[in-house]
Structure formats: C-alpha cells, structure tokens
Amino acid sequence: MSTLTVDTPAGPSAAAGVVRETLALAGRRLRHLRRAPGRTVGLVMNPLVMLLAVGYLFKNAIVSPHGGAYQEYLMAGITAQVGLAGVGPTAVSVALDRRAGLMDRFRSLPISRAAVLTAHALGDLLIGLGVLVVISLVGLGIGWRVHGDPLSVLAGFGVAALFILATVWVGIALGMTVSNIESVDSIAALGLVVCTFLSDAVFSASAMPAWLRPVVEWNPVTAVADAIRHLWGNPVQPGSGFPGQHPFLVAGCWLALLLAGAMAAALTSFRSRE
C-alpha cells in the first residue's frame, strides 16, 4: 500500500489545504474504483434492470397516473433509485476501510479529519452521477421525454444529484457506525427495497392501501421523485395532502435533513474513534 502524505497548511491557506487534501483522497478513491469495476457495474444494473423490466417489458400493463406515458412517470423514480442503490456499496466500502485499518492510518496523518470522509463522498458522488447519465440515456431510448424548459430540466437533475449526495453520506454514516459488514449490506439492501416500494417511485400512492398512503406520501423518495417530475414536466399523481401540494418544500426539507444528519453522524463517529 502506497503512503499518502499531504502537508496541512496553516493560517489563511488552511481552506485551500483542505481542498487539496480532499481532492487527493478523492483521486485515490476513484483509482480504487477503477481497479474494481464490478462495483460500478452493480450500481448501474440495479436501477437499469428496474427501468427495463417495469418501464419497457411491462409498460402496457401499468397505467400512468394523470395520463401520459408510464415511462415518463417511472423515470423520476428510477432516478431516485440510483441514489438508493449506492448506499450499500458506499457503506460496505467504508466498513472495509475501517476493518483494514485504513481509517486509523488516515487519522494518523496531518490532514483534516473532514477531508477523509468528504473525499469518499466526492468520489462516490461522481460515480453516482455517471450512473445517472447512463440511466438517462437508456430512458430516452425506451421512450422517456422531458417537457419542461431547459432550466427546469437542469434543476430536476440538480435535485437528483443532491439526493445522490445525501444517500452517499447515509452510506458513509452506516459504514462508520455499523461494524459488521454483513449487517451493513443487509441493512442497505432492506432500505433499498422498502424505500422504493413504499414510495411512488414505481407505483402511485393511489394504488396503495389507504392506511399506507400517508407513509408513501411522506417518504423522502416520493418527495424527491415528485419534485423531479414537476421540473421535467412528467406525469405526477395529484396529491391531496401536504406533501402532494408542496413537493418542493417537502423534498428540500428531506434533502437538508438527510444530508445534515448523515454528515453529522459520520463525522462524529469518525472523530470518536480517535
């Protein structure tokens, strides 16, 4: 294992030093992923299989809510699933680094504590954005289209990118707080299934049992998917509750809560192990 040494600047250049440290560690993370392409392939296949199976093979068996093509309704949900699919691999990677003693080694170096985990998040965010590009191209190939203006479409992808960033930090927090790798993988897989199917990512809330609809409507995946649908001009299930009437507010609150909570949990766990 090669030695990574980064000089930590002092005074006014401290912020620039943290940026250099973060980029150096993020580069290490990306090189590691390049040597293990199976993880990236797995990240692509999870949402891709769902998109092709539900959005292409069974598209005629599912009616899109509020009219429109079902592929256009589904695409925002698959976009959110890109973020969910990355939680497990990120968490397992962090847990493996902990078990191998790599986190302890980083703590012994004269570098910013925040840079270690931020670099990990940056590397995995870039991978997630690459997966998002692949899924978007496949979606276009099977009939998905956007109907909003260019700024709204870009804003929709911005919301998707923020959700991927938030779920990356959720994965880092999970990997930092759960020591058993098998447990990490199981928790992430369960979260992927539950958060996907207890949301309107694939099926609208109106198709769910009445007692379950409040859970579906307040699911962060539902909020993110509905916000993206509005921005892309894709079909949206009209909602009678607060989340349905204020999708951008609910999505923004969920994104802020997930990002701030996961970052705080991960950094606190990292520092408490010193």
C-alpha atoms as a PDB file:
ATOM      1  CA  MET A   1       0.000   0.000   0.000  1.00  0.00           C
ATOM      2  CA  SER A   2       1.442   3.335  -1.032  1.00  0.00           C
ATOM      3  CA  THR A   3       1.884   6.060   1.519  1.00  0.00           C
ATOM      4  CA  LEU A   4      -0.197   9.191   1.190  1.00  0.00           C
ATOM      5  CA  THR A   5       1.373  12.296   2.655  1.00  0.00           C
ATOM      6  CA  VAL A   6      -0.285  15.661   2.496  1.00  0.00           C
ATOM      7  CA  ASP A   7       1.018  18.785   4.175  1.00  0.00           C
ATOM      8  CA  THR A   8      -1.675  20.653   6.049  1.00  0.00           C
ATOM      9  CA  PRO A   9      -1.266  24.414   5.652  1.00  0.00           C
ATOM     10  CA  ALA A  10      -1.870  26.874   8.435  1.00  0.00           C
ATOM     11  CA  GLY A  11      -3.354  30.333   8.562  1.00  0.00           C
ATOM     12  CA  PRO A  12      -5.314  31.830   5.646  1.00  0.00           C
ATOM     13  CA  SER A  13      -4.354  28.973   3.310  1.00  0.00           C
ATOM     14  CA  ALA A  14      -5.954  26.340   5.566  1.00  0.00           C
ATOM     15  CA  ALA A  15      -9.112  26.131   3.442  1.00  0.00           C
ATOM     16  CA  ALA A  16      -7.079  25.650   0.273  1.00  0.00           C
ATOM     17  CA  GLY A  17      -5.122  22.927   2.057  1.00  0.00           C
ATOM     18  CA  VAL A  18      -8.317  21.103   2.981  1.00  0.00           C
ATOM     19  CA  VAL A  19      -9.452  21.284  -0.649  1.00  0.00           C
ATOM     20  CA  ARG A  20      -6.136  19.812  -1.842  1.00  0.00           C
ATOM     21  CA  GLU A  21      -6.354  17.037   0.739  1.00  0.00           C
ATOM     22  CA  THR A  22      -9.923  16.242  -0.262  1.00  0.00           C
ATOM     23  CA  LEU A  23      -9.069  16.101  -3.965  1.00  0.00           C
ATOM     24  CA  ALA A  24      -6.019  13.914  -3.323  1.00  0.00           C
ATOM     25  CA  LEU A  25      -8.050  11.425  -1.307  1.00  0.00           C
ATOM     26  CA  ALA A  26     -10.921  11.548  -3.816  1.00  0.00           C
ATOM     27  CA  GLY A  27      -8.442  10.691  -6.563  1.00  0.00           C
ATOM     28  CA  ARG A  28      -7.320   7.690  -4.526  1.00  0.00           C
ATOM     29  CA  ARG A  29     -10.946   6.636  -4.182  1.00  0.00           C
ATOM     30  CA  LEU A  30     -11.597   6.880  -7.928  1.00  0.00           C
ATOM     31  CA  ARG A  31      -8.417   4.939  -8.750  1.00  0.00           C
ATOM     32  CA  HIS A  32      -9.522   2.221  -6.369  1.00  0.00           C
ATOM     33  CA  LEU A  33     -12.938   2.043  -8.065  1.00  0.00           C
ATOM     34  CA  ARG A  34     -11.285   1.879 -11.480  1.00  0.00           C
ATOM     35  CA  ARG A  35      -9.394  -1.221 -10.365  1.00  0.00           C
ATOM     36  CA  ALA A  36     -12.669  -2.766  -9.150  1.00  0.00           C
ATOM     37  CA  PRO A  37     -15.199  -2.085 -11.930  1.00  0.00           C
ATOM     38  CA  GLY A  38     -17.638  -4.665 -10.584  1.00  0.00           C
ATOM     39  CA  ARG A  39     -18.989  -2.167  -8.050  1.00  0.00           C
ATOM     40  CA  THR A  40     -19.810   0.377 -10.734  1.00  0.00           C
ATOM     41  CA  VAL A  41     -21.452  -2.287 -12.888  1.00  0.00           C
ATOM     42  CA  GLY A  42     -23.556  -3.338  -9.909  1.00  0.00           C
ATOM     43  CA  LEU A  43     -24.644   0.251  -9.320  1.00  0.00           C
ATOM     44  CA  VAL A  44     -25.762   0.573 -12.939  1.00  0.00           C
ATOM     45  CA  MET A  45     -27.557  -2.780 -13.087  1.00  0.00           C
ATOM     46  CA  ASN A  46     -29.845  -2.241 -10.110  1.00  0.00           C
ATOM     47  CA  PRO A  47     -31.817   0.756 -11.464  1.00  0.00           C
ATOM     48  CA  LEU A  48     -31.275  -0.373 -15.054  1.00  0.00           C
ATOM     49  CA  VAL A  49     -32.990  -3.720 -14.512  1.00  0.00           C
ATOM     50  CA  MET A  50     -35.912  -1.983 -12.808  1.00  0.00           C
ATOM     51  CA  LEU A  51     -36.169   0.541 -15.646  1.00  0.00           C
ATOM     52  CA  LEU A  52     -36.136  -2.105 -18.376  1.00  0.00           C
ATOM     53  CA  ALA A  53     -38.358  -4.598 -16.575  1.00  0.00           C
ATOM     54  CA  VAL A  54     -41.074  -2.200 -15.427  1.00  0.00           C
ATOM     55  CA  GLY A  55     -40.693   0.650 -17.882  1.00  0.00           C
ATOM     56  CA  TYR A  56     -40.240  -1.420 -21.035  1.00  0.00           C
ATOM     57  CA  LEU A  57     -41.388  -5.024 -20.634  1.00  0.00           C
ATOM     58  CA  PHE A  58     -44.492  -4.254 -18.543  1.00  0.00           C
ATOM     59  CA  LYS A  59     -45.202  -0.701 -19.672  1.00  0.00           C
ATOM     60  CA  ASN A  60     -48.539  -1.678 -21.240  1.00  0.00           C
ATOM     61  CA  ALA A  61     -49.699  -3.391 -18.054  1.00  0.00           C
ATOM     62  CA  ILE A  62     -49.368  -0.276 -15.878  1.00  0.00           C
ATOM     63  CA  VAL A  63     -51.421   2.869 -16.268  1.00  0.00           C
ATOM     64  CA  SER A  64     -49.632   6.146 -15.663  1.00  0.00           C
ATOM     65  CA  PRO A  65     -51.410   8.396 -13.159  1.00  0.00           C
ATOM     66  CA  HIS A  66     -52.796  11.637 -14.548  1.00  0.00           C
ATOM     67  CA  GLY A  67     -52.241  10.488 -18.124  1.00  0.00           C
ATOM     68  CA  GLY A  68     -49.045  10.405 -20.153  1.00  0.00           C
ATOM     69  CA  ALA A  69     -46.607   7.605 -20.889  1.00  0.00           C
ATOM     70  CA  TYR A  70     -45.710   5.367 -17.979  1.00  0.00           C
ATOM     71  CA  GLN A  71     -42.004   5.612 -18.843  1.00  0.00           C
ATOM     72  CA  GLU A  72     -42.209   9.338 -18.163  1.00  0.00           C
ATOM     73  CA  TYR A  73     -43.799   8.739 -14.764  1.00  0.00           C
ATOM     74  CA  LEU A  74     -41.320   5.987 -13.855  1.00  0.00           C
ATOM     75  CA  MET A  75     -38.130   7.800 -14.845  1.00  0.00           C
ATOM     76  CA  ALA A  76     -38.037  10.144 -11.846  1.00  0.00           C
ATOM     77  CA  GLY A  77     -38.485   7.176  -9.513  1.00  0.00           C
ATOM     78  CA  ILE A  78     -35.628   5.291 -11.174  1.00  0.00           C
ATOM     79  CA  THR A  79     -33.502   8.422 -10.859  1.00  0.00           C
ATOM     80  CA  ALA A  80     -34.124   8.377  -7.110  1.00  0.00           C
ATOM     81  CA  GLN A  81     -33.288   4.677  -7.050  1.00  0.00           C
ATOM     82  CA  VAL A  82     -29.825   5.488  -8.399  1.00  0.00           C
ATOM     83  CA  GLY A  83     -29.152   7.191  -5.075  1.00  0.00           C
ATOM     84  CA  LEU A  84     -30.657   4.367  -3.022  1.00  0.00           C
ATOM     85  CA  ALA A  85     -28.639   1.752  -4.897  1.00  0.00           C
ATOM     86  CA  GLY A  86     -25.397   3.485  -3.917  1.00  0.00           C
ATOM     87  CA  VAL A  87     -25.987   3.332  -0.151  1.00  0.00           C
ATOM     88  CA  GLY A  88     -24.934  -0.300   0.230  1.00  0.00           C
ATOM     89  CA  PRO A  89     -21.704  -0.225  -1.820  1.00  0.00           C
ATOM     90  CA  THR A  90     -20.616   3.014  -0.151  1.00  0.00           C
ATOM     91  CA  ALA A  91     -21.353   1.659   3.332  1.00  0.00           C
ATOM     92  CA  VAL A  92     -19.545  -1.625   2.643  1.00  0.00           C
ATOM     93  CA  SER A  93     -16.533   0.235   1.238  1.00  0.00           C
ATOM     94  CA  VAL A  94     -16.274   2.422   4.339  1.00  0.00           C
ATOM     95  CA  ALA A  95     -16.701  -0.587   6.625  1.00  0.00           C
ATOM     96  CA  LEU A  96     -13.958  -2.460   4.764  1.00  0.00           C
ATOM     97  CA  ASP A  97     -11.614   0.532   5.083  1.00  0.00           C
ATOM     98  CA  ARG A  98     -12.319   0.583   8.807  1.00  0.00           C
ATOM     99  CA  ARG A  99     -11.680  -3.146   9.202  1.00  0.00           C
ATOM    100  CA  ALA A 100      -8.449  -2.918   7.207  1.00  0.00           C
ATOM    101  CA  GLY A 101      -7.202  -0.129   9.476  1.00  0.00           C
ATOM    102  CA  LEU A 102      -7.123   2.428   6.669  1.00  0.00           C
ATOM    103  CA  MET A 103      -9.253   4.920   8.598  1.00  0.00           C
ATOM    104  CA  ASP A 104      -6.820   4.710  11.533  1.00  0.00           C
ATOM    105  CA  ARG A 105      -3.954   5.353   9.158  1.00  0.00           C
ATOM    106  CA  PHE A 106      -5.646   8.445   7.744  1.00  0.00           C
ATOM    107  CA  ARG A 107      -6.257   9.736  11.275  1.00  0.00           C
ATOM    108  CA  SER A 108      -2.544   9.435  11.989  1.00  0.00           C
ATOM    109  CA  LEU A 109      -1.670  11.720   9.066  1.00  0.00           C
ATOM    110  CA  PRO A 110      -1.512  15.537   9.376  1.00  0.00           C
ATOM    111  CA  ILE A 111      -4.654  16.063   7.309  1.00  0.00           C
ATOM    112  CA  SER A 112      -8.123  17.394   8.000  1.00  0.00           C
ATOM    113  CA  ARG A 113     -10.480  14.874   9.591  1.00  0.00           C
ATOM    114  CA  ALA A 114     -13.360  16.164   7.452  1.00  0.00           C
ATOM    115  CA  ALA A 115     -11.324  15.701   4.246  1.00  0.00           C
ATOM    116  CA  VAL A 116     -11.164  11.917   4.683  1.00  0.00           C
ATOM    117  CA  LEU A 117     -14.904  11.312   4.581  1.00  0.00           C
ATOM    118  CA  THR A 118     -15.634  14.241   2.243  1.00  0.00           C
ATOM    119  CA  ALA A 119     -13.242  12.764  -0.316  1.00  0.00           C
ATOM    120  CA  HIS A 120     -15.010   9.433  -0.063  1.00  0.00           C
ATOM    121  CA  ALA A 121     -18.344  11.194  -0.613  1.00  0.00           C
ATOM    122  CA  LEU A 122     -16.974  13.138  -3.601  1.00  0.00           C
ATOM    123  CA  GLY A 123     -15.649  10.008  -5.298  1.00  0.00           C
ATOM    124  CA  ASP A 124     -18.895   8.096  -4.838  1.00  0.00           C
ATOM    125  CA  LEU A 125     -20.950  11.126  -5.925  1.00  0.00           C
ATOM    126  CA  LEU A 126     -19.070  11.237  -9.231  1.00  0.00           C
ATOM    127  CA  ILE A 127     -19.751   7.535  -9.749  1.00  0.00           C
ATOM    128  CA  GLY A 128     -23.434   8.087  -8.967  1.00  0.00           C
ATOM    129  CA  LEU A 129     -23.637  10.936 -11.466  1.00  0.00           C
ATOM    130  CA  GLY A 130     -22.072   8.695 -14.104  1.00  0.00           C
ATOM    131  CA  VAL A 131     -24.730   6.066 -13.403  1.00  0.00           C
ATOM    132  CA  LEU A 132     -27.393   8.770 -13.682  1.00  0.00           C
ATOM    133  CA  VAL A 133     -26.126   9.658 -17.171  1.00  0.00           C
ATOM    134  CA  VAL A 134     -26.307   6.008 -18.274  1.00  0.00           C
ATOM    135  CA  ILE A 135     -29.839   5.583 -16.885  1.00  0.00           C
ATOM    136  CA  SER A 136     -30.981   8.821 -18.554  1.00  0.00           C
ATOM    137  CA  LEU A 137     -29.683   7.688 -21.948  1.00  0.00           C
ATOM    138  CA  VAL A 138     -31.413   4.318 -21.610  1.00  0.00           C
ATOM    139  CA  GLY A 139     -34.589   6.082 -20.513  1.00  0.00           C
ATOM    140  CA  LEU A 140     -34.509   8.231 -23.637  1.00  0.00           C
ATOM    141  CA  GLY A 141     -34.077   5.066 -25.667  1.00  0.00           C
ATOM    142  CA  ILE A 142     -37.231   3.446 -24.288  1.00  0.00           C
ATOM    143  CA  GLY A 143     -39.469   6.479 -24.635  1.00  0.00           C
ATOM    144  CA  TRP A 144     -38.865   8.848 -21.716  1.00  0.00           C
ATOM    145  CA  ARG A 145     -39.095  12.522 -22.649  1.00  0.00           C
ATOM    146  CA  VAL A 146     -38.950  15.804 -20.761  1.00  0.00           C
ATOM    147  CA  HIS A 147     -41.417  18.612 -21.390  1.00  0.00           C
ATOM    148  CA  GLY A 148     -40.076  21.421 -19.225  1.00  0.00           C
ATOM    149  CA  ASP A 149     -37.863  24.311 -20.204  1.00  0.00           C
ATOM    150  CA  PRO A 150     -34.073  23.766 -20.157  1.00  0.00           C
ATOM    151  CA  LEU A 151     -33.591  25.432 -16.759  1.00  0.00           C
ATOM    152  CA  SER A 152     -36.321  23.286 -15.187  1.00  0.00           C
ATOM    153  CA  VAL A 153     -34.820  20.136 -16.688  1.00  0.00           C
ATOM    154  CA  LEU A 154     -31.388  21.046 -15.303  1.00  0.00           C
ATOM    155  CA  ALA A 155     -32.989  21.806 -11.938  1.00  0.00           C
ATOM    156  CA  GLY A 156     -34.531  18.318 -11.983  1.00  0.00           C
ATOM    157  CA  PHE A 157     -31.119  16.770 -12.491  1.00  0.00           C
ATOM    158  CA  GLY A 158     -29.827  19.056  -9.731  1.00  0.00           C
ATOM    159  CA  VAL A 159     -32.400  17.633  -7.319  1.00  0.00           C
ATOM    160  CA  ALA A 160     -31.356  14.121  -8.374  1.00  0.00           C
ATOM    161  CA  ALA A 161     -27.677  14.986  -7.786  1.00  0.00           C
ATOM    162  CA  LEU A 162     -28.458  16.344  -4.312  1.00  0.00           C
ATOM    163  CA  PHE A 163     -30.347  13.151  -3.463  1.00  0.00           C
ATOM    164  CA  ILE A 164     -27.402  11.042  -4.630  1.00  0.00           C
ATOM    165  CA  LEU A 165     -25.078  13.145  -2.457  1.00  0.00           C
ATOM    166  CA  ALA A 166     -27.386  12.737   0.541  1.00  0.00           C
ATOM    167  CA  THR A 167     -27.603   8.953   0.107  1.00  0.00           C
ATOM    168  CA  VAL A 168     -23.829   8.733  -0.298  1.00  0.00           C
ATOM    169  CA  TRP A 169     -23.469  10.368   3.126  1.00  0.00           C
ATOM    170  CA  VAL A 170     -26.114   7.999   4.509  1.00  0.00           C
ATOM    171  CA  GLY A 171     -23.950   5.125   3.268  1.00  0.00           C
ATOM    172  CA  ILE A 172     -20.827   6.634   4.839  1.00  0.00           C
ATOM    173  CA  ALA A 173     -22.644   7.091   8.165  1.00  0.00           C
ATOM    174  CA  LEU A 174     -23.897   3.498   8.024  1.00  0.00           C
ATOM    175  CA  GLY A 175     -20.409   2.175   7.293  1.00  0.00           C
ATOM    176  CA  MET A 176     -18.940   4.235  10.134  1.00  0.00           C
ATOM    177  CA  THR A 177     -21.492   3.211  12.761  1.00  0.00           C
ATOM    178  CA  VAL A 178     -22.171  -0.477  11.986  1.00  0.00           C
ATOM    179  CA  SER A 179     -19.121  -2.665  12.435  1.00  0.00           C
ATOM    180  CA  ASN A 180     -20.340  -5.939  10.890  1.00  0.00           C
ATOM    181  CA  ILE A 181     -20.048  -5.863   7.093  1.00  0.00           C
ATOM    182  CA  GLU A 182     -22.788  -8.446   6.564  1.00  0.00           C
ATOM    183  CA  SER A 183     -25.132  -6.342   8.683  1.00  0.00           C
ATOM    184  CA  VAL A 184     -24.211  -3.226   6.690  1.00  0.00           C
ATOM    185  CA  ASP A 185     -25.057  -4.966   3.424  1.00  0.00           C
ATOM    186  CA  SER A 186     -28.345  -6.355   4.769  1.00  0.00           C
ATOM    187  CA  ILE A 187     -29.493  -3.018   6.186  1.00  0.00           C
ATOM    188  CA  ALA A 188     -28.723  -1.214   2.931  1.00  0.00           C
ATOM    189  CA  ALA A 189     -30.499  -3.848   0.815  1.00  0.00           C
ATOM    190  CA  LEU A 190     -33.565  -3.696   3.045  1.00  0.00           C
ATOM    191  CA  GLY A 191     -33.593   0.092   2.867  1.00  0.00           C
ATOM    192  CA  LEU A 192     -33.410  -0.033  -0.942  1.00  0.00           C
ATOM    193  CA  VAL A 193     -36.450  -2.322  -1.213  1.00  0.00           C
ATOM    194  CA  VAL A 194     -38.538  -0.598   1.466  1.00  0.00           C
ATOM    195  CA  CYS A 195     -37.834   2.978   0.355  1.00  0.00           C
ATOM    196  CA  THR A 196     -38.521   2.105  -3.291  1.00  0.00           C
ATOM    197  CA  PHE A 197     -41.778   0.194  -2.924  1.00  0.00           C
ATOM    198  CA  LEU A 198     -43.185   2.264  -0.058  1.00  0.00           C
ATOM    199  CA  SER A 199     -42.949   5.333  -2.261  1.00  0.00           C
ATOM    200  CA  ASP A 200     -44.477   6.435  -5.542  1.00  0.00           C
ATOM    201  CA  ALA A 201     -41.239   5.759  -7.416  1.00  0.00           C
ATOM    202  CA  VAL A 202     -42.786   2.844  -9.322  1.00  0.00           C
ATOM    203  CA  PHE A 203     -46.500   2.907  -8.479  1.00  0.00           C
ATOM    204  CA  SER A 204     -48.619   5.879  -7.471  1.00  0.00           C
ATOM    205  CA  ALA A 205     -49.790   6.358  -3.898  1.00  0.00           C
ATOM    206  CA  SER A 206     -53.395   5.904  -5.053  1.00  0.00           C
ATOM    207  CA  ALA A 207     -52.583   2.274  -5.864  1.00  0.00           C
ATOM    208  CA  MET A 208     -51.568   1.599  -2.243  1.00  0.00           C
ATOM    209  CA  PRO A 209     -53.885   0.570   0.619  1.00  0.00           C
ATOM    210  CA  ALA A 210     -55.497   3.595   2.248  1.00  0.00           C
ATOM    211  CA  TRP A 211     -53.764   3.046   5.599  1.00  0.00           C
ATOM    212  CA  LEU A 212     -50.363   3.002   3.870  1.00  0.00           C
ATOM    213  CA  ARG A 213     -50.767   6.136   1.775  1.00  0.00           C
ATOM    214  CA  PRO A 214     -49.543   8.616   4.432  1.00  0.00           C
ATOM    215  CA  VAL A 215     -46.299   6.617   4.720  1.00  0.00           C
ATOM    216  CA  VAL A 216     -45.900   6.657   0.939  1.00  0.00           C
ATOM    217  CA  GLU A 217     -46.689  10.367   0.662  1.00  0.00           C
ATOM    218  CA  TRP A 218     -44.149  11.353   3.340  1.00  0.00           C
ATOM    219  CA  ASN A 219     -41.414   9.032   2.061  1.00  0.00           C
ATOM    220  CA  PRO A 220     -38.369  11.114   1.034  1.00  0.00           C
ATOM    221  CA  VAL A 221     -38.146   9.134  -2.203  1.00  0.00           C
ATOM    222  CA  THR A 222     -41.710  10.199  -3.048  1.00  0.00           C
ATOM    223  CA  ALA A 223     -40.897  13.847  -2.333  1.00  0.00           C
ATOM    224  CA  VAL A 224     -37.749  13.784  -4.480  1.00  0.00           C
ATOM    225  CA  ALA A 225     -39.403  11.879  -7.343  1.00  0.00           C
ATOM    226  CA  ASP A 226     -42.435  14.189  -7.402  1.00  0.00           C
ATOM    227  CA  ALA A 227     -40.244  17.299  -7.378  1.00  0.00           C
ATOM    228  CA  ILE A 228     -38.272  15.937 -10.332  1.00  0.00           C
ATOM    229  CA  ARG A 229     -41.474  15.046 -12.192  1.00  0.00           C
ATOM    230  CA  HIS A 230     -42.751  18.604 -11.803  1.00  0.00           C
ATOM    231  CA  LEU A 231     -39.482  20.040 -13.087  1.00  0.00           C
ATOM    232  CA  TRP A 232     -39.303  17.647 -16.036  1.00  0.00           C
ATOM    233  CA  GLY A 233     -42.958  18.109 -16.951  1.00  0.00           C
ATOM    234  CA  ASN A 234     -43.636  14.391 -16.471  1.00  0.00           C
ATOM    235  CA  PRO A 235     -46.912  12.916 -15.139  1.00  0.00           C
ATOM    236  CA  VAL A 236     -47.497  13.487 -11.416  1.00  0.00           C
ATOM    237  CA  GLN A 237     -50.142  11.890  -9.231  1.00  0.00           C
ATOM    238  CA  PRO A 238     -52.243  14.754  -7.804  1.00  0.00           C
ATOM    239  CA  GLY A 239     -51.923  14.721  -4.016  1.00  0.00           C
ATOM    240  CA  SER A 240     -54.484  15.910  -1.539  1.00  0.00           C
ATOM    241  CA  GLY A 241     -52.164  16.042   1.474  1.00  0.00           C
ATOM    242  CA  PHE A 242     -49.406  18.494   2.362  1.00  0.00           C
ATOM    243  CA  PRO A 243     -46.603  16.540   0.577  1.00  0.00           C
ATOM    244  CA  GLY A 244     -48.591  16.393  -2.650  1.00  0.00           C
ATOM    245  CA  GLN A 245     -49.407  20.099  -2.548  1.00  0.00           C
ATOM    246  CA  HIS A 246     -45.895  21.232  -1.583  1.00  0.00           C
ATOM    247  CA  PRO A 247     -43.482  18.722  -3.207  1.00  0.00           C
ATOM    248  CA  PHE A 248     -40.563  21.159  -3.460  1.00  0.00           C
ATOM    249  CA  LEU A 249     -40.778  22.202   0.173  1.00  0.00           C
ATOM    250  CA  VAL A 250     -41.011  18.617   1.420  1.00  0.00           C
ATOM    251  CA  ALA A 251     -38.195  17.466  -0.885  1.00  0.00           C
ATOM    252  CA  GLY A 252     -35.972  20.345   0.241  1.00  0.00           C
ATOM    253  CA  CYS A 253     -36.596  19.583   3.913  1.00  0.00           C
ATOM    254  CA  TRP A 254     -35.865  15.879   3.418  1.00  0.00           C
ATOM    255  CA  LEU A 255     -32.667  16.568   1.478  1.00  0.00           C
ATOM    256  CA  ALA A 256     -31.410  19.006   4.123  1.00  0.00           C
ATOM    257  CA  LEU A 257     -32.308  16.629   6.949  1.00  0.00           C
ATOM    258  CA  LEU A 258     -30.714  13.581   5.330  1.00  0.00           C
ATOM    259  CA  LEU A 259     -27.558  15.432   4.323  1.00  0.00           C
ATOM    260  CA  ALA A 260     -27.022  17.251   7.624  1.00  0.00           C
ATOM    261  CA  GLY A 261     -27.938  14.250   9.778  1.00  0.00           C
ATOM    262  CA  ALA A 262     -25.798  11.758   7.863  1.00  0.00           C
ATOM    263  CA  MET A 263     -22.783  14.079   7.728  1.00  0.00           C
ATOM    264  CA  ALA A 264     -23.018  14.801  11.455  1.00  0.00           C
ATOM    265  CA  ALA A 265     -23.360  11.095  12.315  1.00  0.00           C
ATOM    266  CA  ALA A 266     -20.456  10.074  10.073  1.00  0.00           C
ATOM    267  CA  LEU A 267     -18.055  12.787  11.241  1.00  0.00           C
ATOM    268  CA  THR A 268     -18.960  12.270  14.894  1.00  0.00           C
ATOM    269  CA  SER A 269     -18.316   8.546  14.596  1.00  0.00           C
ATOM    270  CA  PHE A 270     -15.023   9.162  12.779  1.00  0.00           C
ATOM    271  CA  ARG A 271     -13.751  11.558  15.452  1.00  0.00           C
ATOM    272  CA  SER A 272     -14.943   9.430  18.362  1.00  0.00           C
ATOM    273  CA  ARG A 273     -12.661   6.616  17.267  1.00  0.00           C
ATOM    274  CA  GLU A 274      -9.507   8.671  17.719  1.00  0.00           C
END
